[in-house]
Amino acid sequence: MDSPFDSWMDRYTESFLVRLLPMKLMPAPRFWQTHGDRHEKAFLQALKDRGLDVFEISGYGEQSQQLTLEAMQKGHEVIFQAVLSKDEFAGKSDFLFKINGASKLGDYHYEAWDTN
């Protein structure tokens, strides 16, 4: 984030204001979402500018889950907007980074990163 205050306010908003005010009275979430999206895109571009092998996933659902799995099996250095699921749980990760270490994939595994 652009300042330490951003992180503090994000945590404060999630912890307190969301419970106290109806969403229609609270303009902060749109600001945080817009700010977060800009930050995420800038981080993505910085990874590309460094020459990393970035694979991008769009959408959400079974097809995106399959693309994520295939990207992991191919060993891409970074997977953007990965869709992961296990049993009844599913979610989207901002980034998956390839890390050295044994797994079912081979001599590497992935670590989820969030740009918040």
Protein backbone atom coordinates (compact mmCIF):
# COMPACT_ATOMS: atom_id res chain seq x y z
CA MET A 1 0.00 0.00 0.00
CA ASP A 2 1.06 3.60 -0.40
CA SER A 3 1.24 4.26 3.34
CA PRO A 4 1.18 2.34 6.63
CA PHE A 5 -2.08 4.12 7.41
CA ASP A 6 -3.82 2.33 4.51
CA SER A 7 -3.29 -1.06 6.11
CA TRP A 8 -4.42 0.15 9.50
CA MET A 9 -7.59 1.71 8.06
CA ASP A 10 -8.37 -1.40 6.05
CA ARG A 11 -8.17 -3.53 9.19
CA TYR A 12 -10.19 -1.00 11.20
CA THR A 13 -12.89 -0.82 8.52
CA GLU A 14 -13.21 -4.59 8.36
CA SER A 15 -13.24 -4.97 12.13
CA PHE A 16 -15.55 -2.17 13.18
CA LEU A 17 -17.24 0.00 10.55
CA VAL A 18 -18.67 -2.87 8.54
CA ARG A 19 -20.59 -4.01 11.59
CA LEU A 20 -21.73 -0.54 12.60
CA LEU A 21 -22.92 1.06 9.39
CA PRO A 22 -25.10 -0.21 6.56
CA MET A 23 -23.14 -0.59 3.31
CA LYS A 24 -25.11 2.19 1.58
CA LEU A 25 -23.88 4.69 4.20
CA MET A 26 -20.26 3.62 4.00
CA PRO A 27 -18.28 4.97 1.00
CA ALA A 28 -14.96 3.48 2.15
CA PRO A 29 -15.31 -0.05 0.64
CA ARG A 30 -15.44 1.27 -2.95
CA PHE A 31 -12.34 3.38 -2.27
CA TRP A 32 -10.50 0.40 -0.78
CA GLN A 33 -11.51 -1.83 -3.67
CA THR A 34 -10.37 0.70 -6.27
CA HIS A 35 -7.13 1.33 -4.42
CA GLY A 36 -6.54 -2.41 -4.01
CA ASP A 37 -7.21 -3.11 -7.69
CA ARG A 38 -4.68 -0.44 -8.73
CA HIS A 39 -2.12 -1.84 -6.32
CA GLU A 40 -2.69 -5.40 -7.58
CA LYS A 41 -2.32 -4.36 -11.23
CA ALA A 42 0.87 -2.42 -10.48
CA PHE A 43 2.31 -5.44 -8.64
CA LEU A 44 1.38 -7.72 -11.57
CA GLN A 45 3.08 -5.35 -14.02
CA ALA A 46 6.20 -5.18 -11.84
CA LEU A 47 6.44 -8.99 -11.92
CA LYS A 48 6.13 -8.97 -15.71
CA ASP A 49 8.70 -6.16 -15.99
CA ARG A 50 11.13 -8.34 -14.01
CA GLY A 51 10.71 -11.01 -16.68
CA LEU A 52 8.92 -13.58 -14.52
CA ASP A 53 6.82 -16.26 -16.20
CA VAL A 54 3.33 -15.07 -15.22
CA PHE A 55 0.26 -17.11 -16.16
CA GLU A 56 -3.05 -15.24 -15.85
CA ILE A 57 -6.41 -16.84 -15.04
CA SER A 58 -9.69 -15.06 -15.69
CA GLY A 59 -13.11 -15.96 -14.40
CA TYR A 60 -14.18 -18.19 -11.58
CA GLY A 61 -15.47 -21.73 -11.75
CA GLU A 62 -14.51 -25.23 -12.80
CA GLN A 63 -12.76 -24.14 -15.99
CA SER A 64 -10.65 -21.63 -14.04
CA GLN A 65 -9.85 -24.30 -11.45
CA GLN A 66 -8.69 -26.62 -14.23
CA LEU A 67 -6.54 -23.88 -15.80
CA THR A 68 -4.98 -23.22 -12.39
CA LEU A 69 -4.13 -26.89 -11.92
CA GLU A 70 -2.64 -27.12 -15.42
CA ALA A 71 -0.57 -23.97 -14.84
CA MET A 72 0.73 -25.44 -11.57
CA GLN A 73 1.61 -28.73 -13.27
CA LYS A 74 3.49 -26.85 -16.01
CA GLY A 75 5.49 -25.05 -13.33
CA HIS A 76 4.80 -21.39 -14.14
CA GLU A 77 6.73 -19.08 -11.81
CA VAL A 78 3.66 -16.99 -10.94
CA ILE A 79 -0.04 -17.67 -11.39
CA PHE A 80 -2.31 -14.61 -11.21
CA GLN A 81 -5.92 -14.98 -9.99
CA ALA A 82 -5.58 -18.71 -9.32
CA VAL A 83 -8.81 -20.53 -8.46
CA LEU A 84 -8.36 -23.26 -5.86
CA SER A 85 -10.83 -25.65 -4.25
CA LYS A 86 -10.87 -28.49 -1.79
CA ASP A 87 -14.11 -30.27 -0.89
CA GLU A 88 -16.73 -27.58 -0.20
CA PHE A 89 -14.18 -24.75 0.05
CA ALA A 90 -13.11 -22.66 -2.92
CA GLY A 91 -11.44 -19.32 -3.40
CA LYS A 92 -9.32 -17.10 -5.55
CA SER A 93 -5.74 -16.17 -4.74
CA ASP A 94 -4.24 -12.94 -6.05
CA PHE A 95 -0.98 -14.71 -6.80
CA LEU A 96 0.58 -18.15 -6.48
CA PHE A 97 4.39 -18.10 -6.40
CA LYS A 98 6.46 -21.14 -7.28
CA ILE A 99 8.68 -22.16 -4.36
CA ASN A 100 11.40 -24.82 -4.18
CA GLY A 101 10.41 -27.87 -2.16
CA ALA A 102 9.00 -31.31 -2.83
CA SER A 103 5.29 -31.80 -3.50
CA LYS A 104 3.02 -33.88 -5.72
CA LEU A 105 3.99 -31.43 -8.48
CA GLY A 106 7.66 -32.35 -8.31
CA ASP A 107 10.52 -30.43 -6.70
CA TYR A 108 8.39 -27.30 -6.22
CA HIS A 109 5.14 -26.15 -4.68
CA TYR A 110 3.18 -22.90 -4.60
CA GLU A 111 2.68 -20.24 -1.97
CA ALA A 112 -0.39 -17.96 -2.05
CA TRP A 113 0.21 -14.22 -1.90
CA ASP A 114 -2.39 -11.54 -1.39
CA THR A 115 -1.67 -7.97 -2.44
CA ASN A 116 -3.79 -6.31 0.27
